[in-house]
Amino acid sequence: MQNLSPRHVKTEESLRLGVESGWYSTKVSGTFVSGPHESEAACLSRIAEIDPPPPAPARKKAG
């Protein structure tokens, strides 16, 4: 589990960082993992592909 978050990089910041503006998935450290994505929803979808949530614990059967 990488604990990725969506982050929007606006034009001014993109020029400073040397990347395109858009949505990026980032690690807690701020490192870009994927992007740019067209929307936050697209970024969140990619995060779900890269870093899926842990499986739910198996439920015990009654009886």
PDB file of N, CA and C in Angstrom:
ATOM      1  N   MET A   1       0.842  -1.180   0.000  1.00  0.00           N
ATOM      2  CA  MET A   1       0.000   0.000   0.000  1.00  0.00           C
ATOM      3  C   MET A   1       0.885   1.240   0.000  1.00  0.00           C
ATOM      4  N   GLN A   2       0.609   2.138  -0.962  1.00  0.00           N
ATOM      5  CA  GLN A   2       1.434   3.332  -1.091  1.00  0.00           C
ATOM      6  C   GLN A   2       0.801   4.577  -0.483  1.00  0.00           C
ATOM      7  N   ASN A   3      -0.519   4.545  -0.191  1.00  0.00           N
ATOM      8  CA  ASN A   3      -1.224   5.694   0.362  1.00  0.00           C
ATOM      9  C   ASN A   3      -1.094   6.911  -0.564  1.00  0.00           C
ATOM     10  N   LEU A   4      -1.607   6.789  -1.786  1.00  0.00           N
ATOM     11  CA  LEU A   4      -1.526   7.848  -2.774  1.00  0.00           C
ATOM     12  C   LEU A   4      -2.675   8.834  -2.623  1.00  0.00           C
ATOM     13  N   SER A   5      -2.432  10.077  -3.015  1.00  0.00           N
ATOM     14  CA  SER A   5      -3.437  11.136  -2.945  1.00  0.00           C
ATOM     15  C   SER A   5      -3.464  11.902  -4.255  1.00  0.00           C
ATOM     16  N   PRO A   6      -4.651  12.453  -4.630  1.00  0.00           N
ATOM     17  CA  PRO A   6      -4.711  13.304  -5.812  1.00  0.00           C
ATOM     18  C   PRO A   6      -4.193  14.700  -5.481  1.00  0.00           C
ATOM     19  N   ARG A   7      -3.546  15.335  -6.444  1.00  0.00           N
ATOM     20  CA  ARG A   7      -3.022  16.691  -6.238  1.00  0.00           C
ATOM     21  C   ARG A   7      -3.137  17.459  -7.547  1.00  0.00           C
ATOM     22  N   HIS A   8      -3.706  18.650  -7.495  1.00  0.00           N
ATOM     23  CA  HIS A   8      -3.843  19.472  -8.699  1.00  0.00           C
ATOM     24  C   HIS A   8      -2.659  20.427  -8.800  1.00  0.00           C
ATOM     25  N   VAL A   9      -2.010  20.430  -9.958  1.00  0.00           N
ATOM     26  CA  VAL A   9      -0.889  21.330 -10.221  1.00  0.00           C
ATOM     27  C   VAL A   9      -1.378  22.377 -11.225  1.00  0.00           C
ATOM     28  N   LYS A  10      -1.431  23.631 -10.776  1.00  0.00           N
ATOM     29  CA  LYS A  10      -1.889  24.724 -11.636  1.00  0.00           C
ATOM     30  C   LYS A  10      -0.751  25.179 -12.550  1.00  0.00           C
ATOM     31  N   THR A  11      -1.096  25.998 -13.540  1.00  0.00           N
ATOM     32  CA  THR A  11      -0.138  26.430 -14.563  1.00  0.00           C
ATOM     33  C   THR A  11       1.116  27.060 -13.977  1.00  0.00           C
ATOM     34  N   GLU A  12       0.957  27.973 -13.029  1.00  0.00           N
ATOM     35  CA  GLU A  12       2.127  28.655 -12.448  1.00  0.00           C
ATOM     36  C   GLU A  12       3.087  27.659 -11.812  1.00  0.00           C
ATOM     37  N   GLU A  13       2.555  26.744 -11.038  1.00  0.00           N
ATOM     38  CA  GLU A  13       3.399  25.733 -10.381  1.00  0.00           C
ATOM     39  C   GLU A  13       3.985  24.752 -11.404  1.00  0.00           C
ATOM     40  N   SER A  14       3.197  24.438 -12.445  1.00  0.00           N
ATOM     41  CA  SER A  14       3.694  23.500 -13.454  1.00  0.00           C
ATOM     42  C   SER A  14       4.909  24.064 -14.181  1.00  0.00           C
ATOM     43  N   LEU A  15       4.909  25.362 -14.416  1.00  0.00           N
ATOM     44  CA  LEU A  15       6.064  25.991 -15.053  1.00  0.00           C
ATOM     45  C   LEU A  15       7.294  25.901 -14.161  1.00  0.00           C
ATOM     46  N   ARG A  16       7.094  26.121 -12.871  1.00  0.00           N
ATOM     47  CA  ARG A  16       8.198  26.047 -11.918  1.00  0.00           C
ATOM     48  C   ARG A  16       8.745  24.627 -11.798  1.00  0.00           C
ATOM     49  N   LEU A  17       7.842  23.635 -11.825  1.00  0.00           N
ATOM     50  CA  LEU A  17       8.258  22.236 -11.667  1.00  0.00           C
ATOM     51  C   LEU A  17       8.696  21.586 -12.973  1.00  0.00           C
ATOM     52  N   GLY A  18       8.340  22.205 -14.091  1.00  0.00           N
ATOM     53  CA  GLY A  18       8.690  21.635 -15.382  1.00  0.00           C
ATOM     54  C   GLY A  18       7.803  20.468 -15.783  1.00  0.00           C
ATOM     55  N   VAL A  19       6.541  20.511 -15.372  1.00  0.00           N
ATOM     56  CA  VAL A  19       5.571  19.475 -15.729  1.00  0.00           C
ATOM     57  C   VAL A  19       4.329  20.144 -16.309  1.00  0.00           C
ATOM     58  N   GLU A  20       3.460  19.359 -16.918  1.00  0.00           N
ATOM     59  CA  GLU A  20       2.196  19.885 -17.419  1.00  0.00           C
ATOM     60  C   GLU A  20       1.241  20.115 -16.255  1.00  0.00           C
ATOM     61  N   SER A  21       0.346  21.084 -16.413  1.00  0.00           N
ATOM     62  CA  SER A  21      -0.667  21.285 -15.373  1.00  0.00           C
ATOM     63  C   SER A  21      -1.690  20.159 -15.473  1.00  0.00           C
ATOM     64  N   GLY A  22      -2.310  19.821 -14.363  1.00  0.00           N
ATOM     65  CA  GLY A  22      -3.313  18.767 -14.314  1.00  0.00           C
ATOM     66  C   GLY A  22      -3.299  18.077 -12.966  1.00  0.00           C
ATOM     67  N   TRP A  23      -4.004  16.980 -12.888  1.00  0.00           N
ATOM     68  CA  TRP A  23      -4.092  16.198 -11.658  1.00  0.00           C
ATOM     69  C   TRP A  23      -3.039  15.104 -11.655  1.00  0.00           C
ATOM     70  N   TYR A  24      -2.363  14.943 -10.538  1.00  0.00           N
ATOM     71  CA  TYR A  24      -1.323  13.926 -10.374  1.00  0.00           C
ATOM     72  C   TYR A  24      -1.614  13.099  -9.134  1.00  0.00           C
ATOM     73  N   SER A  25      -1.294  11.814  -9.181  1.00  0.00           N
ATOM     74  CA  SER A  25      -1.317  11.017  -7.962  1.00  0.00           C
ATOM     75  C   SER A  25       0.061  11.168  -7.329  1.00  0.00           C
ATOM     76  N   THR A  26       0.063  11.395  -6.024  1.00  0.00           N
ATOM     77  CA  THR A  26       1.322  11.636  -5.329  1.00  0.00           C
ATOM     78  C   THR A  26       1.435  10.767  -4.085  1.00  0.00           C
ATOM     79  N   LYS A  27       2.689  10.480  -3.742  1.00  0.00           N
ATOM     80  CA  LYS A  27       2.983   9.795  -2.483  1.00  0.00           C
ATOM     81  C   LYS A  27       2.903  10.823  -1.361  1.00  0.00           C
ATOM     82  N   VAL A  28       2.944  10.370  -0.114  1.00  0.00           N
ATOM     83  CA  VAL A  28       2.932  11.261   1.048  1.00  0.00           C
ATOM     84  C   VAL A  28       4.111  12.230   0.982  1.00  0.00           C
ATOM     85  N   SER A  29       5.234  11.777   0.420  1.00  0.00           N
ATOM     86  CA  SER A  29       6.432  12.612   0.310  1.00  0.00           C
ATOM     87  C   SER A  29       6.281  13.727  -0.723  1.00  0.00           C
ATOM     88  N   GLY A  30       5.222  13.642  -1.564  1.00  0.00           N
ATOM     89  CA  GLY A  30       5.019  14.631  -2.611  1.00  0.00           C
ATOM     90  C   GLY A  30       5.511  14.185  -3.976  1.00  0.00           C
ATOM     91  N   THR A  31       6.118  13.011  -4.060  1.00  0.00           N
ATOM     92  CA  THR A  31       6.614  12.482  -5.328  1.00  0.00           C
ATOM     93  C   THR A  31       5.446  12.126  -6.235  1.00  0.00           C
ATOM     94  N   PHE A  32       5.508  12.579  -7.497  1.00  0.00           N
ATOM     95  CA  PHE A  32       4.478  12.248  -8.470  1.00  0.00           C
ATOM     96  C   PHE A  32       4.597  10.779  -8.856  1.00  0.00           C
ATOM     97  N   VAL A  33       3.459  10.086  -8.922  1.00  0.00           N
ATOM     98  CA  VAL A  33       3.436   8.683  -9.295  1.00  0.00           C
ATOM     99  C   VAL A  33       2.822   8.517 -10.685  1.00  0.00           C
ATOM    100  N   SER A  34       1.757   9.256 -10.970  1.00  0.00           N
ATOM    101  CA  SER A  34       1.147   9.206 -12.297  1.00  0.00           C
ATOM    102  C   SER A  34       0.521  10.549 -12.623  1.00  0.00           C
ATOM    103  N   GLY A  35       0.315  10.789 -13.912  1.00  0.00           N
ATOM    104  CA  GLY A  35      -0.319  12.029 -14.342  1.00  0.00           C
ATOM    105  C   GLY A  35       0.461  12.659 -15.467  1.00  0.00           C
ATOM    106  N   PRO A  36      -0.024  13.731 -15.992  1.00  0.00           N
ATOM    107  CA  PRO A  36      -1.229  14.436 -15.537  1.00  0.00           C
ATOM    108  C   PRO A  36      -2.506  13.743 -16.005  1.00  0.00           C
ATOM    109  N   HIS A  37      -3.546  13.898 -15.206  1.00  0.00           N
ATOM    110  CA  HIS A  37      -4.868  13.376 -15.522  1.00  0.00           C
ATOM    111  C   HIS A  37      -5.788  14.569 -15.770  1.00  0.00           C
ATOM    112  N   GLU A  38      -6.815  14.366 -16.599  1.00  0.00           N
ATOM    113  CA  GLU A  38      -7.716  15.454 -16.980  1.00  0.00           C
ATOM    114  C   GLU A  38      -8.588  15.947 -15.841  1.00  0.00           C
ATOM    115  N   SER A  39      -8.889  15.082 -14.881  1.00  0.00           N
ATOM    116  CA  SER A  39      -9.789  15.459 -13.790  1.00  0.00           C
ATOM    117  C   SER A  39      -9.391  14.736 -12.511  1.00  0.00           C
ATOM    118  N   GLU A  40      -9.951  15.207 -11.408  1.00  0.00           N
ATOM    119  CA  GLU A  40      -9.702  14.545 -10.132  1.00  0.00           C
ATOM    120  C   GLU A  40     -10.265  13.126 -10.163  1.00  0.00           C
ATOM    121  N   ALA A  41     -11.429  12.953 -10.802  1.00  0.00           N
ATOM    122  CA  ALA A  41     -12.035  11.627 -10.890  1.00  0.00           C
ATOM    123  C   ALA A  41     -11.130  10.658 -11.657  1.00  0.00           C
ATOM    124  N   ALA A  42     -10.531  11.125 -12.744  1.00  0.00           N
ATOM    125  CA  ALA A  42      -9.617  10.278 -13.519  1.00  0.00           C
ATOM    126  C   ALA A  42      -8.389   9.924 -12.688  1.00  0.00           C
ATOM    127  N   CYS A  43      -7.913  10.873 -11.916  1.00  0.00           N
ATOM    128  CA  CYS A  43      -6.757  10.644 -11.047  1.00  0.00           C
ATOM    129  C   CYS A  43      -7.106   9.611  -9.966  1.00  0.00           C
ATOM    130  N   LEU A  44      -8.273   9.771  -9.348  1.00  0.00           N
ATOM    131  CA  LEU A  44      -8.695   8.825  -8.311  1.00  0.00           C
ATOM    132  C   LEU A  44      -8.885   7.424  -8.887  1.00  0.00           C
ATOM    133  N   SER A  45      -9.373   7.342 -10.119  1.00  0.00           N
ATOM    134  CA  SER A  45      -9.526   6.050 -10.778  1.00  0.00           C
ATOM    135  C   SER A  45      -8.167   5.386 -10.967  1.00  0.00           C
ATOM    136  N   ARG A  46      -7.186   6.160 -11.383  1.00  0.00           N
ATOM    137  CA  ARG A  46      -5.829   5.624 -11.579  1.00  0.00           C
ATOM    138  C   ARG A  46      -5.219   5.203 -10.241  1.00  0.00           C
ATOM    139  N   ILE A  47      -5.459   5.989  -9.191  1.00  0.00           N
ATOM    140  CA  ILE A  47      -4.960   5.632  -7.861  1.00  0.00           C
ATOM    141  C   ILE A  47      -5.543   4.282  -7.438  1.00  0.00           C
ATOM    142  N   ALA A  48      -6.828   4.062  -7.722  1.00  0.00           N
ATOM    143  CA  ALA A  48      -7.469   2.788  -7.362  1.00  0.00           C
ATOM    144  C   ALA A  48      -6.829   1.620  -8.114  1.00  0.00           C
ATOM    145  N   GLU A  49      -6.362   1.871  -9.352  1.00  0.00           N
ATOM    146  CA  GLU A  49      -5.685   0.823 -10.122  1.00  0.00           C
ATOM    147  C   GLU A  49      -4.294   0.530  -9.562  1.00  0.00           C
ATOM    148  N   ILE A  50      -3.564   1.601  -9.233  1.00  0.00           N
ATOM    149  CA  ILE A  50      -2.188   1.461  -8.753  1.00  0.00           C
ATOM    150  C   ILE A  50      -2.148   0.923  -7.335  1.00  0.00           C
ATOM    151  N   ASP A  51      -3.013   1.450  -6.494  1.00  0.00           N
ATOM    152  CA  ASP A  51      -2.975   1.185  -5.060  1.00  0.00           C
ATOM    153  C   ASP A  51      -4.357   0.759  -4.578  1.00  0.00           C
ATOM    154  N   PRO A  52      -4.812  -0.446  -4.952  1.00  0.00           N
ATOM    155  CA  PRO A  52      -6.164  -0.856  -4.570  1.00  0.00           C
ATOM    156  C   PRO A  52      -6.312  -0.977  -3.069  1.00  0.00           C
ATOM    157  N   PRO A  53      -7.528  -0.754  -2.574  1.00  0.00           N
ATOM    158  CA  PRO A  53      -7.740  -0.902  -1.127  1.00  0.00           C
ATOM    159  C   PRO A  53      -7.540  -2.354  -0.715  1.00  0.00           C
ATOM    160  N   PRO A  54      -7.173  -2.587   0.535  1.00  0.00           N
ATOM    161  CA  PRO A  54      -6.970  -3.974   0.990  1.00  0.00           C
ATOM    162  C   PRO A  54      -8.287  -4.740   0.928  1.00  0.00           C
ATOM    163  N   PRO A  55      -8.229  -6.048   0.701  1.00  0.00           N
ATOM    164  CA  PRO A  55      -9.466  -6.830   0.645  1.00  0.00           C
ATOM    165  C   PRO A  55     -10.156  -6.844   2.003  1.00  0.00           C
ATOM    166  N   ALA A  56     -11.462  -6.884   1.959  1.00  0.00           N
ATOM    167  CA  ALA A  56     -12.232  -6.946   3.207  1.00  0.00           C
ATOM    168  C   ALA A  56     -11.997  -8.294   3.882  1.00  0.00           C
ATOM    169  N   PRO A  57     -11.951  -8.320   5.204  1.00  0.00           N
ATOM    170  CA  PRO A  57     -11.749  -9.598   5.889  1.00  0.00           C
ATOM    171  C   PRO A  57     -12.913 -10.547   5.600  1.00  0.00           C
ATOM    172  N   ALA A  58     -12.619 -11.830   5.534  1.00  0.00           N
ATOM    173  CA  ALA A  58     -13.653 -12.828   5.279  1.00  0.00           C
ATOM    174  C   ALA A  58     -14.629 -12.865   6.455  1.00  0.00           C
ATOM    175  N   ARG A  59     -15.882 -12.941   6.120  1.00  0.00           N
ATOM    176  CA  ARG A  59     -16.912 -12.995   7.171  1.00  0.00           C
ATOM    177  C   ARG A  59     -17.171 -14.451   7.543  1.00  0.00           C
ATOM    178  N   LYS A  60     -17.335 -14.680   8.816  1.00  0.00           N
ATOM    179  CA  LYS A  60     -17.605 -16.045   9.305  1.00  0.00           C
ATOM    180  C   LYS A  60     -19.075 -16.374   9.013  1.00  0.00           C
ATOM    181  N   LYS A  61     -19.291 -17.607   8.611  1.00  0.00           N
ATOM    182  CA  LYS A  61     -20.654 -18.066   8.362  1.00  0.00           C
ATOM    183  C   LYS A  61     -21.316 -18.408   9.689  1.00  0.00           C
ATOM    184  N   ALA A  62     -22.571 -18.063   9.806  1.00  0.00           N
ATOM    185  CA  ALA A  62     -23.330 -18.368  11.029  1.00  0.00           C
ATOM    186  C   ALA A  62     -23.683 -19.850  11.057  1.00  0.00           C
ATOM    187  N   GLY A  63     -23.621 -20.423  12.260  1.00  0.00           N
ATOM    188  CA  GLY A  63     -24.096 -21.767  12.481  1.00  0.00           C
ATOM    189  C   GLY A  63     -23.168 -22.798  12.170  1.00  0.00           C
TER     190      GLY A  63
END
